[in-house]
Amino acid sequence: MKNLLIRIYSIYAYAIFLMLFLLLMPFFLLVIFVKPLEKCAGFFNHIWARLFFFLMFLNRTKVKYHSKIDPKGRYIFCANHTSYLDIPTVGLIRHNYKFIGKSSLKKKPIWGFMYSRLHILVNRENMRSRYQSWIEAAEAISKGFSIVFFPEGGIYTKNPPQMTAFKEGSFRIAVNEQIPIVPIAIPFNHLIMPDNSPLTMHPGLIRMDVLEPIWPKGTDDESIKKLKAETKLAIEEALAHYENR
């Protein structure tokens, strides 16, 4: 009986996702094709996330800010990644940002087109693609956008919420642009929507800690390594706080 209820709930989740996608698609298309409206994308991302979690969990979400986020500030948001739910979870932060995501997302029908036009895609196995994503990220930052990335490069951990090694690309961007990293800890999404096949949804509490910004100290390669290590430690400590409760 429990498995049947989980399947029904998962089908409901997919239906909600599709309904909201179709409902908001005209607004996202407007943002894509009318360039002066480009900065409205973050607002619509936030609306999508709010509606999705309200309909899925009756708004059982809890976001804790350890420091005030300047709505006009430029940041690089850095989150652990254990579930496909992590993208809408970060969307609960109302801010003007672009995601850096895997190039394979472009293959998803319709949604992939919209994602590729609104955000930055990268093939981490291709040096030219990585370089192009750095250029696009720098251009977005110069226009006032913040950046969201998952530094593990995908959902790779075998023991969530423990993390795998971080890629350094976005830390290099933070150092080059001299803007802060904002670490984000998402402790429970792997329990609510595990990275298994087929994907299933479970009731639960969406929790996210938006931690203190970490500023780069210096402009050399050593500064990049230190920033990456500090960020990883901050997220690990936040996740450990929930494991020990």
Protein backbone atom coordinates (compact mmCIF):
# COMPACT_ATOMS: atom_id res chain seq x y z
CA MET A 1 0.00 0.00 0.00
CA LYS A 2 2.82 2.43 0.88
CA ASN A 3 4.52 1.88 -2.50
CA LEU A 4 1.22 2.47 -4.29
CA LEU A 5 0.70 5.77 -2.45
CA ILE A 6 4.24 6.86 -3.33
CA ARG A 7 3.59 6.11 -7.00
CA ILE A 8 0.33 8.07 -6.96
CA TYR A 9 2.06 10.98 -5.22
CA SER A 10 4.90 10.89 -7.78
CA ILE A 11 2.43 10.98 -10.68
CA TYR A 12 0.76 13.94 -8.99
CA ALA A 13 4.19 15.64 -8.75
CA TYR A 14 4.85 15.17 -12.48
CA ALA A 15 1.38 16.52 -13.30
CA ILE A 16 1.98 19.61 -11.15
CA PHE A 17 5.37 20.18 -12.78
CA LEU A 18 3.84 19.94 -16.28
CA MET A 19 0.88 22.16 -15.41
CA LEU A 20 3.10 24.92 -13.99
CA PHE A 21 5.51 24.61 -16.91
CA LEU A 22 2.68 25.16 -19.40
CA LEU A 23 1.19 27.96 -17.30
CA LEU A 24 4.46 29.90 -17.04
CA MET A 25 5.86 29.06 -20.48
CA PRO A 26 4.45 32.21 -22.18
CA PHE A 27 6.15 34.39 -19.55
CA PHE A 28 9.50 32.62 -19.98
CA LEU A 29 9.23 32.89 -23.77
CA LEU A 30 8.57 36.61 -23.38
CA VAL A 31 11.72 36.92 -21.26
CA ILE A 32 13.73 34.98 -23.87
CA PHE A 33 12.66 36.96 -26.92
CA VAL A 34 12.24 40.45 -25.41
CA LYS A 35 15.75 41.27 -24.20
CA PRO A 36 14.82 44.22 -21.94
CA LEU A 37 12.78 41.73 -19.89
CA GLU A 38 15.71 39.32 -19.44
CA LYS A 39 16.17 40.19 -15.78
CA CYS A 40 12.60 39.11 -15.03
CA ALA A 41 13.68 35.46 -15.42
CA GLY A 42 14.79 35.23 -11.79
CA PHE A 43 11.39 36.52 -10.63
CA PHE A 44 9.55 33.90 -12.71
CA ASN A 45 11.92 31.19 -11.44
CA HIS A 46 10.95 32.21 -7.93
CA ILE A 47 7.21 32.16 -8.74
CA TRP A 48 7.60 28.70 -10.30
CA ALA A 49 9.40 27.36 -7.22
CA ARG A 50 6.88 28.89 -4.80
CA LEU A 51 3.88 27.52 -6.68
CA PHE A 52 5.48 24.08 -7.11
CA PHE A 53 6.30 23.63 -3.44
CA PHE A 54 2.97 25.08 -2.30
CA LEU A 55 1.02 22.60 -4.44
CA MET A 56 3.34 19.68 -3.64
CA PHE A 57 3.89 20.13 0.10
CA LEU A 58 1.39 22.84 1.11
CA ASN A 59 4.39 25.17 1.29
CA ARG A 60 6.34 23.05 3.79
CA THR A 61 9.55 24.92 3.07
CA LYS A 62 12.04 26.52 5.43
CA VAL A 63 14.80 28.78 4.16
CA LYS A 64 17.27 30.14 6.70
CA TYR A 65 19.42 33.12 5.74
CA HIS A 66 22.59 33.44 7.83
CA SER A 67 23.21 36.85 6.27
CA LYS A 68 21.07 39.32 4.37
CA ILE A 69 21.26 38.96 0.60
CA ASP A 70 21.45 42.29 -1.20
CA PRO A 71 18.76 42.13 -3.94
CA LYS A 72 21.01 44.22 -6.19
CA GLY A 73 24.22 42.43 -5.23
CA ARG A 74 26.14 40.02 -7.43
CA TYR A 75 26.95 36.63 -5.94
CA ILE A 76 27.92 33.11 -6.93
CA PHE A 77 25.53 30.77 -5.12
CA CYS A 78 27.13 27.37 -4.49
CA ALA A 79 24.92 24.43 -3.37
CA ASN A 80 25.39 20.73 -2.68
CA HIS A 81 23.56 18.53 -5.20
CA THR A 82 21.74 15.28 -4.36
CA SER A 83 18.37 15.55 -6.14
CA TYR A 84 16.58 17.05 -9.13
CA LEU A 85 14.60 18.99 -6.53
CA ASP A 86 17.68 21.13 -5.84
CA ILE A 87 17.03 23.42 -8.82
CA PRO A 88 13.53 24.55 -7.72
CA THR A 89 14.78 24.65 -4.12
CA VAL A 90 17.42 27.25 -5.01
CA GLY A 91 14.61 29.03 -6.87
CA LEU A 92 13.12 29.86 -3.46
CA ILE A 93 15.82 32.55 -3.26
CA ARG A 94 14.31 35.61 -4.88
CA HIS A 95 17.24 37.01 -6.79
CA ASN A 96 18.36 37.80 -10.31
CA TYR A 97 20.55 34.83 -11.32
CA LYS A 98 21.50 32.37 -14.02
CA PHE A 99 22.22 28.69 -13.43
CA ILE A 100 25.30 26.93 -14.76
CA GLY A 101 24.07 23.46 -15.79
CA LYS A 102 25.10 20.43 -17.80
CA SER A 103 24.84 20.74 -21.58
CA SER A 104 22.80 17.51 -21.70
CA LEU A 105 19.83 19.49 -20.30
CA LYS A 106 19.45 21.06 -23.73
CA LYS A 107 18.19 17.72 -25.07
CA LYS A 108 15.05 17.84 -22.93
CA PRO A 109 12.06 18.68 -25.16
CA ILE A 110 10.88 22.32 -24.90
CA TRP A 111 12.17 22.70 -21.33
CA GLY A 112 15.73 22.20 -22.59
CA PHE A 113 15.31 24.99 -25.15
CA MET A 114 14.06 27.40 -22.50
CA TYR A 115 16.77 26.42 -20.02
CA SER A 116 19.52 26.85 -22.60
CA ARG A 117 18.30 30.32 -23.56
CA LEU A 118 17.84 31.56 -19.99
CA HIS A 119 20.87 29.96 -18.33
CA ILE A 120 24.44 28.82 -19.06
CA LEU A 121 25.18 25.29 -20.23
CA VAL A 122 28.56 23.57 -20.07
CA ASN A 123 30.05 20.26 -21.17
CA ARG A 124 32.67 19.74 -18.49
CA GLU A 125 34.44 17.13 -20.62
CA ASN A 126 35.14 19.72 -23.32
CA MET A 127 37.74 22.43 -22.73
CA ARG A 128 36.20 24.80 -25.30
CA SER A 129 32.76 24.44 -23.71
CA ARG A 130 34.18 25.12 -20.24
CA TYR A 131 35.95 28.22 -21.51
CA GLN A 132 32.78 29.44 -23.26
CA SER A 133 30.76 28.98 -20.06
CA TRP A 134 33.29 31.14 -18.16
CA ILE A 135 32.91 33.86 -20.82
CA GLU A 136 29.11 33.69 -20.62
CA ALA A 137 29.18 33.77 -16.81
CA ALA A 138 31.46 36.83 -16.82
CA GLU A 139 29.14 38.56 -19.29
CA ALA A 140 26.11 37.74 -17.13
CA ILE A 141 27.85 39.13 -14.03
CA SER A 142 28.75 42.31 -15.92
CA LYS A 143 25.03 42.74 -16.68
CA GLY A 144 24.17 42.47 -12.98
CA PHE A 145 23.23 38.79 -12.80
CA SER A 146 24.34 36.42 -10.06
CA ILE A 147 25.34 32.82 -10.84
CA VAL A 148 24.06 29.55 -9.35
CA PHE A 149 26.14 26.40 -9.68
CA PHE A 150 26.47 22.93 -8.19
CA PRO A 151 30.23 22.54 -7.70
CA GLU A 152 30.17 18.74 -7.72
CA GLY A 153 29.27 18.95 -11.41
CA GLY A 154 26.20 16.75 -11.07
CA ILE A 155 24.59 14.23 -8.75
CA TYR A 156 27.57 11.96 -8.10
CA THR A 157 27.58 11.23 -4.38
CA LYS A 158 26.89 7.64 -3.36
CA ASN A 159 26.27 8.58 0.26
CA PRO A 160 24.12 11.75 0.34
CA PRO A 161 24.20 14.34 1.71
CA GLN A 162 27.98 13.82 1.79
CA MET A 163 29.60 15.59 -1.15
CA THR A 164 32.11 14.60 -3.80
CA ALA A 165 35.08 16.72 -4.91
CA PHE A 166 34.34 20.25 -6.14
CA LYS A 167 35.10 21.51 -9.64
CA GLU A 168 37.01 24.79 -9.59
CA GLY A 169 35.49 26.68 -12.55
CA SER A 170 33.04 28.92 -10.71
CA PHE A 171 35.52 29.61 -7.92
CA ARG A 172 37.88 30.89 -10.60
CA ILE A 173 35.08 33.16 -11.84
CA ALA A 174 34.52 34.46 -8.30
CA VAL A 175 38.23 35.27 -7.97
CA ASN A 176 38.46 36.84 -11.42
CA GLU A 177 35.37 39.00 -10.84
CA GLN A 178 36.09 39.56 -7.12
CA ILE A 179 32.55 38.73 -6.02
CA PRO A 180 31.57 36.51 -3.06
CA ILE A 181 30.58 32.87 -2.99
CA VAL A 182 27.37 32.18 -1.06
CA PRO A 183 27.44 28.55 0.18
CA ILE A 184 24.06 26.78 0.29
CA ALA A 185 23.29 23.61 2.27
CA ILE A 186 20.30 21.50 1.19
CA PRO A 187 20.12 18.62 3.71
CA PHE A 188 16.98 16.58 2.94
CA ASN A 189 16.20 16.60 -0.79
CA HIS A 190 17.84 13.21 -1.33
CA LEU A 191 15.19 11.74 0.99
CA ILE A 192 12.27 13.55 -0.66
CA MET A 193 13.25 12.83 -4.27
CA PRO A 194 16.09 10.28 -4.41
CA ASP A 195 18.27 10.07 -7.50
CA ASN A 196 16.92 6.65 -8.47
CA SER A 197 15.12 5.26 -11.50
CA PRO A 198 12.21 5.66 -11.73
CA LEU A 199 12.15 9.02 -9.92
CA THR A 200 9.76 9.04 -6.99
CA MET A 201 8.51 11.84 -4.77
CA HIS A 202 8.03 11.55 -1.01
CA PRO A 203 6.32 13.99 1.37
CA GLY A 204 8.71 16.02 3.51
CA LEU A 205 10.13 19.39 4.48
CA ILE A 206 12.19 21.35 1.95
CA ARG A 207 14.99 22.87 3.99
CA MET A 208 17.75 25.18 2.77
CA ASP A 209 20.43 27.15 4.63
CA VAL A 210 21.84 30.16 2.78
CA LEU A 211 25.16 30.69 4.55
CA GLU A 212 27.44 33.68 5.08
CA PRO A 213 29.09 34.98 1.87
CA ILE A 214 32.78 34.14 1.49
CA TRP A 215 34.89 36.74 -0.30
CA PRO A 216 37.93 35.74 -2.36
CA LYS A 217 41.21 36.72 -0.76
CA GLY A 218 43.61 37.43 -3.58
CA THR A 219 43.64 36.84 -7.32
CA ASP A 220 46.04 33.91 -7.84
CA ASP A 221 45.53 30.13 -8.14
CA GLU A 222 46.13 29.69 -4.43
CA SER A 223 43.21 32.04 -3.74
CA ILE A 224 40.98 29.83 -5.88
CA LYS A 225 41.99 26.71 -3.94
CA LYS A 226 41.39 28.43 -0.59
CA LEU A 227 37.98 29.74 -1.67
CA LYS A 228 36.95 26.28 -2.85
CA ALA A 229 38.12 24.66 0.41
CA GLU A 230 36.39 27.28 2.60
CA THR A 231 33.15 26.88 0.69
CA LYS A 232 33.17 23.09 0.90
CA LEU A 233 33.91 23.21 4.63
CA ALA A 234 31.07 25.68 5.25
CA ILE A 235 28.53 23.45 3.48
CA GLU A 236 29.84 20.29 5.18
CA GLU A 237 29.50 21.87 8.62
CA ALA A 238 25.95 23.01 7.88
CA LEU A 239 24.95 19.53 6.63
CA ALA A 240 26.58 17.89 9.67
CA HIS A 241 24.41 20.07 11.91
CA TYR A 242 21.31 18.34 10.51
CA GLU A 243 22.83 14.86 10.58
CA ASN A 244 23.49 15.20 14.30
CA ARG A 245 19.96 16.34 15.16
